[in-house]
Amino acid sequence: MNFTVTRSSGIMIRPSESTPSGSLNLSVIDAMPILRMDFHFLLIYKHGHEAAKIITEAFSKALVPYYPLAGRLKESSNGALQVDCTGEGLWFIEASTDSNLKSFNYYDNILLVPQDKLLPTSPSETSGLAPLLKVQLTRFTCEGFVLGLSLCHCLFDGLGAAQFLNAVGEFAKGFLQPTVVPIWHRDAIPAPETLLGLLRESKQPAPLVPIPSYKLEHASIDISLNQINKYKNEYKKMTGNYCSTFDVAVASLWRHRTQAIDLDKNTEVNLVFAVNSRQFVDPPLPKGYYGNCFYPARVTTSSGWLLEASNAEVVKLIKDATSKVPAKFRKLVNGNELDENDNPLSFPLSYTTLSISEWGHLGVFQIDYGWGNPVNVIPIQSFNIIPTAIVGLPPTPKKGVRLVTWCVERSHLPSLVQYYKQNNLSRM
């Protein structure tokens, strides 16, 4: 299907009022090398009269309390990562197309998403330092629009990004102040010498590692609410305890992906997922903190065990790993010596590792600029070497869970989705 987008030349949106200048240190977690990248996603809206005008004004207002986001990254004289609060602003592109969102079914099928046309391009001329936020608003003929976002991961994790974007939505709806007051407070996360040493080691030139030869393919997999509840009931029957939607969805995907890639039963397989660690800081980080604060939980077992286990047994393994995170996180920030598997900068990079991110409870599905919640939220792949899945929600009005994945090669894709096709709507 032909799809043409006409972009404006783009503008910098600056804070609507004067803001503090100077440099702010990032936390030791913000400075992790794996976060030196942008993460991208699309918000799909059915309606939006004068959306560009309203949203640009809202961004400008939001950049007053969130003034560091209008700055630029830099390194201090001792190599520490900082934000230079220059007030230069975020990059905004207004675009239009002669297509109708309905004709694409609001991008229910991820394979139809023309991400190169809906995500913002970088400004052609800058001061030499990239904006921390880039936004493109694309208007469709149906009065709907797509907001494409590229956000610097060093500044915030998923919860922090959702907090900021919901604040923009509040300003768009006429709020004078955001409901949640943003707090920088990056120095509240301890930076012991043990962790600083890991950071220094991670900055050293690494040995050449062969680029993986596999090419990961996209797929969207829907798990119905009935199936989610069935998994939860199986776990409760086995343990007498409750578990989350995230737990059962991840357990299901991990099992069936492992089956799809057809490994020897003695092969070690890994599951990695981030756990919000704001409450594990002493004292806990206050409401409004929008920086990165998470710990990567890791689960390791054999392919043979995973394929023979029930979904409930795999959920128990996941919950056991999650329960150990508070102690591991405190051990990390208190400067205690770490076990090899407790190093948050060490990532088992291979086809036998599955990385999971949870988006369903971040708040991105509730970002309202005055015309209601997005009908669809689409994460966009940032890299093609780590098998990844995002646990989110299907487009409204559907219920259940949507897994947006790029976690298998093309040859393994049919086998991965086959199980879900038998009981749910799945699409490639």
Protein backbone atom coordinates (compact mmCIF):
# COMPACT_ATOMS: atom_id res chain seq x y z
CA MET A 1 0.00 0.00 0.00
CA ASN A 2 1.49 3.35 -1.06
CA PHE A 3 2.23 5.74 1.75
CA THR A 4 3.72 9.20 1.35
CA VAL A 5 4.62 11.55 4.20
CA THR A 6 5.43 15.23 3.73
CA ARG A 7 7.57 16.58 6.55
CA SER A 8 8.06 20.19 7.63
CA SER A 9 11.60 21.48 8.06
CA GLY A 10 11.23 21.08 11.82
CA ILE A 11 11.60 23.45 14.77
CA MET A 12 13.13 23.48 18.22
CA ILE A 13 10.49 23.72 20.94
CA ARG A 14 11.96 25.62 23.87
CA PRO A 15 10.59 26.04 27.41
CA SER A 16 7.80 28.62 27.55
CA GLU A 17 9.51 30.40 30.45
CA SER A 18 13.08 30.97 31.54
CA THR A 19 14.60 27.93 33.24
CA PRO A 20 17.71 27.26 35.37
CA SER A 21 21.03 26.86 33.61
CA GLY A 22 24.13 24.91 34.62
CA SER A 23 25.08 21.24 34.65
CA LEU A 24 23.31 18.37 36.41
CA ASN A 25 24.91 15.01 37.12
CA LEU A 26 23.17 11.87 35.99
CA SER A 27 22.95 8.89 38.30
CA VAL A 28 25.29 5.93 38.13
CA ILE A 29 22.41 3.93 36.60
CA ASP A 30 21.66 6.60 33.99
CA ALA A 31 25.32 6.42 32.97
CA MET A 32 25.26 2.72 32.09
CA PRO A 33 26.57 2.30 28.52
CA ILE A 34 23.58 0.16 27.50
CA LEU A 35 21.38 3.25 28.01
CA ARG A 36 23.38 5.46 25.65
CA MET A 37 20.71 5.17 23.00
CA ASP A 38 17.27 6.44 22.06
CA PHE A 39 14.15 4.38 22.50
CA HIS A 40 11.34 4.85 20.03
CA PHE A 41 7.61 4.30 19.95
CA LEU A 42 4.43 5.45 18.21
CA LEU A 43 1.20 6.68 19.78
CA ILE A 44 -1.84 6.30 17.47
CA TYR A 45 -4.84 8.61 18.02
CA LYS A 46 -8.20 8.59 16.25
CA HIS A 47 -8.86 12.31 16.60
CA GLY A 48 -6.98 15.54 17.18
CA HIS A 49 -8.29 18.93 16.05
CA GLU A 50 -5.34 21.36 15.76
CA ALA A 51 -3.24 18.66 17.39
CA ALA A 52 0.13 20.11 16.33
CA LYS A 53 -0.61 23.55 17.80
CA ILE A 54 -1.97 22.19 21.06
CA ILE A 55 0.76 19.59 21.55
CA THR A 56 3.68 21.88 20.71
CA GLU A 57 2.41 24.45 23.21
CA ALA A 58 2.01 21.67 25.79
CA PHE A 59 5.57 20.44 25.23
CA SER A 60 6.84 24.00 25.65
CA LYS A 61 5.02 24.34 28.97
CA ALA A 62 6.13 20.90 30.19
CA LEU A 63 9.78 21.78 29.51
CA VAL A 64 9.60 24.35 32.30
CA PRO A 65 9.27 21.87 35.20
CA TYR A 66 11.18 19.29 33.12
CA TYR A 67 13.83 21.79 32.06
CA PRO A 68 16.77 19.29 31.98
CA LEU A 69 15.09 17.63 28.98
CA ALA A 70 15.59 20.84 26.99
CA GLY A 71 19.36 20.56 27.50
CA ARG A 72 22.09 18.43 25.99
CA LEU A 73 24.28 15.56 27.22
CA LYS A 74 27.95 16.19 27.96
CA GLU A 75 30.79 14.67 29.94
CA SER A 76 32.42 16.50 32.83
CA SER A 77 36.17 16.99 33.12
CA ASN A 78 36.40 13.72 35.05
CA GLY A 79 34.30 11.80 32.52
CA ALA A 80 31.00 11.83 34.43
CA LEU A 81 27.84 11.99 32.31
CA GLN A 82 25.90 15.23 32.79
CA VAL A 83 23.06 17.26 31.35
CA ASP A 84 23.99 20.76 30.30
CA CYS A 85 20.79 22.76 30.96
CA THR A 86 21.00 24.99 27.90
CA GLY A 87 17.27 25.39 27.30
CA GLU A 88 17.79 24.65 23.59
CA GLY A 89 14.68 22.52 23.54
CA LEU A 90 13.36 19.39 21.85
CA TRP A 91 13.14 18.76 18.10
CA PHE A 92 9.64 18.76 16.58
CA ILE A 93 8.53 17.91 13.06
CA GLU A 94 5.00 18.36 11.77
CA ALA A 95 4.10 16.03 8.93
CA SER A 96 1.07 15.04 6.89
CA THR A 97 -0.09 12.25 4.63
CA ASP A 98 -2.99 11.74 2.25
CA SER A 99 -3.70 8.35 3.83
CA ASN A 100 -6.38 7.36 6.30
CA LEU A 101 -5.53 5.59 9.56
CA LYS A 102 -8.65 3.45 9.22
CA SER A 103 -7.30 1.95 6.02
CA PHE A 104 -4.34 0.65 8.04
CA ASN A 105 -6.64 -0.48 10.87
CA TYR A 106 -4.69 1.90 13.13
CA TYR A 107 -1.56 -0.20 12.52
CA ASP A 108 -2.96 -3.24 14.25
CA ASN A 109 -0.47 -5.22 12.14
CA ILE A 110 3.06 -4.17 13.11
CA LEU A 111 4.44 -5.29 9.74
CA LEU A 112 2.50 -2.45 8.06
CA VAL A 113 4.14 0.25 10.20
CA PRO A 114 6.35 2.53 8.05
CA GLN A 115 8.53 3.49 11.00
CA ASP A 116 11.05 5.35 8.84
CA LYS A 117 8.24 7.73 7.82
CA LEU A 118 6.51 8.09 11.19
CA LEU A 119 9.55 8.51 13.46
CA PRO A 120 11.32 11.90 13.59
CA THR A 121 14.50 12.50 11.67
CA SER A 122 17.34 14.37 13.39
CA PRO A 123 17.85 18.10 12.77
CA SER A 124 20.30 18.72 9.96
CA GLU A 125 22.03 21.52 11.82
CA THR A 126 22.57 21.59 15.57
CA SER A 127 25.16 22.92 17.97
CA GLY A 128 26.88 19.56 17.56
CA LEU A 129 24.92 17.92 20.38
CA ALA A 130 21.72 16.01 19.68
CA PRO A 131 18.40 16.98 21.26
CA LEU A 132 17.37 14.63 24.06
CA LEU A 133 13.85 14.33 22.66
CA LYS A 134 12.70 14.21 19.06
CA VAL A 135 9.02 14.22 18.09
CA GLN A 136 7.09 13.91 14.84
CA LEU A 137 3.35 14.49 14.60
CA THR A 138 1.89 13.05 11.40
CA ARG A 139 -1.65 14.11 10.47
CA PHE A 140 -3.89 11.70 8.55
CA THR A 141 -6.96 12.56 6.45
CA CYS A 142 -9.30 10.95 9.00
CA GLU A 143 -8.38 13.67 11.59
CA GLY A 144 -6.35 11.10 13.43
CA PHE A 145 -2.63 11.45 13.98
CA VAL A 146 0.47 9.49 14.94
CA LEU A 147 2.96 10.83 17.44
CA GLY A 148 6.40 9.35 16.81
CA LEU A 149 8.83 9.71 19.71
CA SER A 150 12.58 9.19 20.07
CA LEU A 151 13.71 9.68 23.66
CA CYS A 152 17.20 9.57 25.14
CA HIS A 153 17.25 6.59 27.51
CA CYS A 154 19.93 8.17 29.73
CA LEU A 155 17.37 10.69 30.97
CA PHE A 156 14.60 8.33 31.99
CA ASP A 157 13.35 4.77 32.07
CA GLY A 158 9.91 3.75 30.84
CA LEU A 159 8.14 4.96 33.98
CA GLY A 160 9.93 8.31 33.81
CA ALA A 161 9.16 8.79 30.11
CA ALA A 162 5.48 8.00 30.69
CA GLN A 163 5.41 10.46 33.61
CA PHE A 164 6.77 13.24 31.37
CA LEU A 165 4.47 12.48 28.43
CA ASN A 166 1.42 12.34 30.70
CA ALA A 167 2.45 15.76 32.05
CA VAL A 168 2.52 17.05 28.46
CA GLY A 169 -1.00 15.66 28.10
CA GLU A 170 -2.14 17.51 31.21
CA PHE A 171 -0.79 20.82 29.88
CA ALA A 172 -2.54 20.11 26.57
CA LYS A 173 -5.81 19.78 28.50
CA GLY A 174 -5.32 23.11 30.28
CA PHE A 175 -3.58 22.14 33.51
CA LEU A 176 -1.40 24.88 34.98
CA GLN A 177 0.92 22.39 36.72
CA PRO A 178 1.49 18.66 36.28
CA THR A 179 -0.27 16.40 38.76
CA VAL A 180 3.03 14.67 39.54
CA VAL A 181 5.78 17.19 40.30
CA PRO A 182 9.04 16.07 38.61
CA ILE A 183 12.07 15.51 40.84
CA TRP A 184 15.64 15.25 39.52
CA HIS A 185 17.25 13.83 42.68
CA ARG A 186 19.80 11.71 40.76
CA ASP A 187 22.30 11.91 43.63
CA ALA A 188 19.90 9.85 45.79
CA ILE A 189 21.16 6.69 44.08
CA PRO A 190 24.48 5.75 45.70
CA ALA A 191 27.54 5.45 43.48
CA PRO A 192 29.93 3.15 45.36
CA GLU A 193 33.42 2.51 44.07
CA THR A 194 32.45 -1.06 43.14
CA LEU A 195 29.81 0.18 40.71
CA LEU A 196 31.94 3.06 39.45
CA GLY A 197 34.69 0.53 38.74
CA LEU A 198 32.26 -1.52 36.65
CA LEU A 199 31.35 1.61 34.71
CA ARG A 200 35.00 2.42 34.05
CA GLU A 201 35.62 -1.13 32.86
CA SER A 202 32.62 -0.94 30.54
CA LYS A 203 34.07 2.18 28.89
CA GLN A 204 37.30 0.42 27.99
CA PRO A 205 37.69 -0.77 24.39
CA ALA A 206 36.04 -4.16 24.29
CA PRO A 207 37.47 -7.16 22.45
CA LEU A 208 36.00 -7.53 19.01
CA VAL A 209 32.86 -9.61 19.29
CA PRO A 210 31.41 -11.14 16.13
CA ILE A 211 28.15 -9.50 15.12
CA PRO A 212 25.41 -12.14 15.40
CA SER A 213 24.53 -13.66 12.07
CA TYR A 214 20.86 -14.07 12.92
CA LYS A 215 18.25 -11.58 11.70
CA LEU A 216 15.35 -11.09 14.08
CA GLU A 217 11.85 -10.91 12.65
CA HIS A 218 8.89 -8.96 14.01
CA ALA A 219 5.70 -10.58 15.22
CA SER A 220 2.72 -9.45 17.27
CA ILE A 221 1.13 -12.09 19.45
CA ASP A 222 -2.14 -11.55 21.31
CA ILE A 223 -2.91 -13.58 24.41
CA SER A 224 -6.59 -13.47 25.30
CA LEU A 225 -7.87 -12.50 28.72
CA ASN A 226 -9.33 -16.00 29.11
CA GLN A 227 -5.93 -17.58 28.48
CA ILE A 228 -4.22 -15.17 30.91
CA ASN A 229 -6.74 -16.05 33.61
CA LYS A 230 -6.29 -19.76 32.89
CA TYR A 231 -2.52 -19.42 33.42
CA LYS A 232 -3.05 -17.46 36.63
CA ASN A 233 -5.47 -20.06 37.99
CA GLU A 234 -2.97 -22.84 37.22
CA TYR A 235 -0.30 -21.03 39.24
CA LYS A 236 -2.69 -20.37 42.14
CA LYS A 237 -3.72 -24.02 42.16
CA MET A 238 -0.08 -25.12 42.28
CA THR A 239 1.17 -22.63 44.91
CA GLY A 240 -1.86 -21.08 46.59
CA ASN A 241 -0.52 -17.65 45.60
CA TYR A 242 -1.37 -15.04 43.02
CA CYS A 243 0.83 -13.95 40.12
CA SER A 244 0.78 -11.07 37.66
CA THR A 245 -0.27 -10.90 34.03
CA PHE A 246 3.35 -10.10 33.21
CA ASP A 247 4.54 -13.29 34.92
CA VAL A 248 2.25 -15.62 33.01
CA ALA A 249 2.69 -13.90 29.64
CA VAL A 250 6.47 -14.00 29.91
CA ALA A 251 6.50 -17.61 31.05
CA SER A 252 4.35 -18.59 28.08
CA LEU A 253 6.49 -16.72 25.55
CA TRP A 254 9.78 -18.00 26.98
CA ARG A 255 8.59 -21.62 26.84
CA HIS A 256 7.21 -21.44 23.32
CA ARG A 257 10.12 -19.42 21.93
CA THR A 258 12.54 -22.00 23.35
CA GLN A 259 10.51 -24.75 21.72
CA ALA A 260 10.47 -22.85 18.42
CA ILE A 261 14.25 -22.40 18.19
CA ASP A 262 14.77 -26.15 18.68
CA LEU A 263 17.79 -26.39 20.99
CA ASP A 264 19.58 -29.36 22.46
CA LYS A 265 17.95 -30.12 25.83
CA ASN A 266 21.18 -29.34 27.71
CA THR A 267 21.55 -25.86 26.20
CA GLU A 268 21.48 -23.04 28.74
CA VAL A 269 18.77 -20.46 28.07
CA ASN A 270 18.43 -17.04 29.72
CA LEU A 271 15.57 -14.69 30.46
CA VAL A 272 16.36 -11.07 31.36
CA PHE A 273 13.88 -8.40 32.45
CA ALA A 274 14.11 -5.06 34.27
CA VAL A 275 12.58 -4.64 37.73
CA ASN A 276 11.61 -1.17 38.97
CA SER A 277 13.92 -0.53 41.94
CA ARG A 278 12.75 2.87 43.20
CA GLN A 279 11.54 1.38 46.47
CA PHE A 280 14.84 -0.39 47.13
CA VAL A 281 16.83 2.84 47.49
CA ASP A 282 17.29 3.94 51.13
CA PRO A 283 15.22 6.02 51.59
CA PRO A 284 12.92 5.08 48.69
CA LEU A 285 12.94 7.52 45.79
CA PRO A 286 10.11 10.05 46.00
CA LYS A 287 7.12 10.15 43.71
CA GLY A 288 8.04 12.23 40.69
CA TYR A 289 11.51 10.76 40.18
CA TYR A 290 11.86 10.21 36.46
CA GLY A 291 15.40 8.89 36.05
CA ASN A 292 16.46 5.31 35.43
CA CYS A 293 16.13 3.09 38.45
CA PHE A 294 15.90 -0.61 37.71
CA TYR A 295 17.79 -3.84 38.16
CA PRO A 296 18.00 -6.54 35.46
CA ALA A 297 16.67 -9.80 36.85
CA ARG A 298 18.08 -12.88 35.17
CA VAL A 299 16.69 -16.40 35.02
CA THR A 300 18.81 -19.27 33.71
CA THR A 301 17.82 -22.87 33.14
CA SER A 302 18.22 -25.62 30.56
CA SER A 303 16.18 -25.84 27.39
CA GLY A 304 15.09 -29.36 28.36
CA TRP A 305 13.72 -28.29 31.75
CA LEU A 306 11.89 -25.32 30.24
CA LEU A 307 10.15 -27.44 27.61
CA GLU A 308 9.04 -30.06 30.12
CA ALA A 309 7.87 -27.56 32.74
CA SER A 310 4.31 -26.27 33.04
CA ASN A 311 3.56 -22.58 32.66
CA ALA A 312 2.99 -22.42 36.42
CA GLU A 313 6.43 -23.90 37.14
CA VAL A 314 8.09 -21.33 34.88
CA VAL A 315 6.11 -18.55 36.58
CA LYS A 316 7.51 -19.74 39.91
CA LEU A 317 11.05 -19.51 38.50
CA ILE A 318 10.37 -15.95 37.31
CA LYS A 319 8.85 -14.90 40.62
CA ASP A 320 11.79 -16.37 42.53
CA ALA A 321 14.18 -14.27 40.43
CA THR A 322 12.07 -11.16 41.00
CA SER A 323 11.99 -11.74 44.76
CA LYS A 324 15.80 -11.67 44.89
CA VAL A 325 16.08 -8.28 43.20
CA PRO A 326 15.72 -6.08 46.32
CA ALA A 327 18.68 -7.76 48.04
CA LYS A 328 20.77 -7.76 44.84
CA PHE A 329 20.04 -4.11 44.13
CA ARG A 330 20.95 -3.05 47.68
CA LYS A 331 24.10 -5.13 47.47
CA LEU A 332 24.99 -3.30 44.26
CA VAL A 333 24.43 0.25 45.52
CA ASN A 334 25.98 -0.47 48.93
CA GLY A 335 29.26 -1.34 47.26
CA ASN A 336 29.39 -5.00 48.25
CA GLU A 337 31.37 -7.42 46.12
CA LEU A 338 29.21 -8.82 43.36
CA ASP A 339 28.78 -12.34 42.11
CA GLU A 340 29.39 -12.76 38.39
CA ASN A 341 25.67 -13.05 37.62
CA ASP A 342 24.85 -9.94 39.70
CA ASN A 343 26.73 -7.53 37.45
CA PRO A 344 24.01 -5.35 35.86
CA LEU A 345 26.37 -4.37 33.04
CA SER A 346 26.96 -7.99 32.03
CA PHE A 347 24.42 -9.15 29.48
CA PRO A 348 24.36 -12.70 28.05
CA LEU A 349 24.31 -11.66 24.40
CA SER A 350 23.22 -14.65 22.35
CA TYR A 351 20.29 -16.16 20.49
CA THR A 352 19.54 -18.24 23.59
CA THR A 353 18.76 -15.10 25.63
CA LEU A 354 15.32 -13.48 25.65
CA SER A 355 15.04 -9.88 26.89
CA ILE A 356 11.63 -8.69 28.12
CA SER A 357 10.27 -5.20 28.83
CA GLU A 358 6.95 -4.52 30.54
CA TRP A 359 4.95 -1.61 29.11
CA GLY A 360 1.42 -2.41 30.23
CA HIS A 361 1.69 -0.56 33.55
CA LEU A 362 4.04 2.28 32.63
CA GLY A 363 1.27 4.73 31.78
CA VAL A 364 2.00 5.09 28.04
CA PHE A 365 -1.37 3.59 27.12
CA GLN A 366 -3.10 6.40 29.05
CA ILE A 367 -1.36 9.43 27.49
CA ASP A 368 -4.28 11.75 26.67
CA TYR A 369 -3.75 15.09 24.88
CA GLY A 370 -7.43 15.98 25.04
CA TRP A 371 -8.94 13.49 22.58
CA GLY A 372 -8.77 10.30 24.62
CA ASN A 373 -6.18 7.57 25.09
CA PRO A 374 -4.19 6.24 22.15
CA VAL A 375 -5.95 3.45 20.29
CA ASN A 376 -2.60 1.77 19.76
CA VAL A 377 0.93 2.04 21.18
CA ILE A 378 3.72 0.56 19.07
CA PRO A 379 7.26 0.00 20.39
CA ILE A 380 9.89 0.31 17.67
CA GLN A 381 12.96 -1.91 17.55
CA SER A 382 16.16 -0.06 18.53
CA PHE A 383 18.61 -2.87 17.80
CA ASN A 384 18.62 -6.19 16.00
CA ILE A 385 21.05 -8.27 18.04
CA ILE A 386 19.15 -8.95 21.28
CA PRO A 387 16.03 -11.17 21.02
CA THR A 388 13.40 -8.94 22.61
CA ALA A 389 9.70 -8.81 23.47
CA ILE A 390 7.55 -5.99 24.83
CA VAL A 391 4.60 -6.95 27.04
CA GLY A 392 1.86 -4.41 26.38
CA LEU A 393 -1.82 -4.09 25.57
CA PRO A 394 -3.64 -4.79 22.31
CA PRO A 395 -5.33 -1.94 20.43
CA THR A 396 -8.63 -0.85 21.95
CA PRO A 397 -11.21 -2.22 22.42
CA LYS A 398 -9.49 -5.62 22.60
CA LYS A 399 -8.66 -7.11 25.98
CA GLY A 400 -5.74 -9.23 27.13
CA VAL A 401 -2.03 -8.87 26.33
CA ARG A 402 -0.11 -8.03 23.18
CA LEU A 403 3.46 -9.23 22.84
CA VAL A 404 5.38 -7.14 20.32
CA THR A 405 8.42 -9.25 19.53
CA TRP A 406 11.59 -9.36 17.51
CA CYS A 407 12.99 -12.50 19.05
CA VAL A 408 13.36 -15.21 16.40
CA GLU A 409 14.76 -15.73 12.94
CA ARG A 410 12.40 -16.10 10.02
CA SER A 411 12.77 -19.89 9.97
CA HIS A 412 11.58 -20.11 13.59
CA LEU A 413 8.71 -17.62 13.30
CA PRO A 414 5.91 -19.98 12.13
CA SER A 415 6.63 -22.38 14.97
CA LEU A 416 6.57 -19.54 17.51
CA VAL A 417 3.15 -18.21 16.56
CA GLN A 418 1.54 -21.60 15.88
CA TYR A 419 0.65 -22.27 19.52
CA TYR A 420 -1.03 -18.90 19.96
CA LYS A 421 -2.94 -19.25 16.69
CA GLN A 422 -4.71 -22.28 18.11
CA ASN A 423 -6.21 -20.29 20.98
CA ASN A 424 -5.83 -16.57 20.24
CA LEU A 425 -5.58 -14.03 17.46
CA SER A 426 -1.97 -13.77 16.35
CA ARG A 427 -0.38 -11.88 13.52
CA MET A 428 3.02 -11.72 11.92
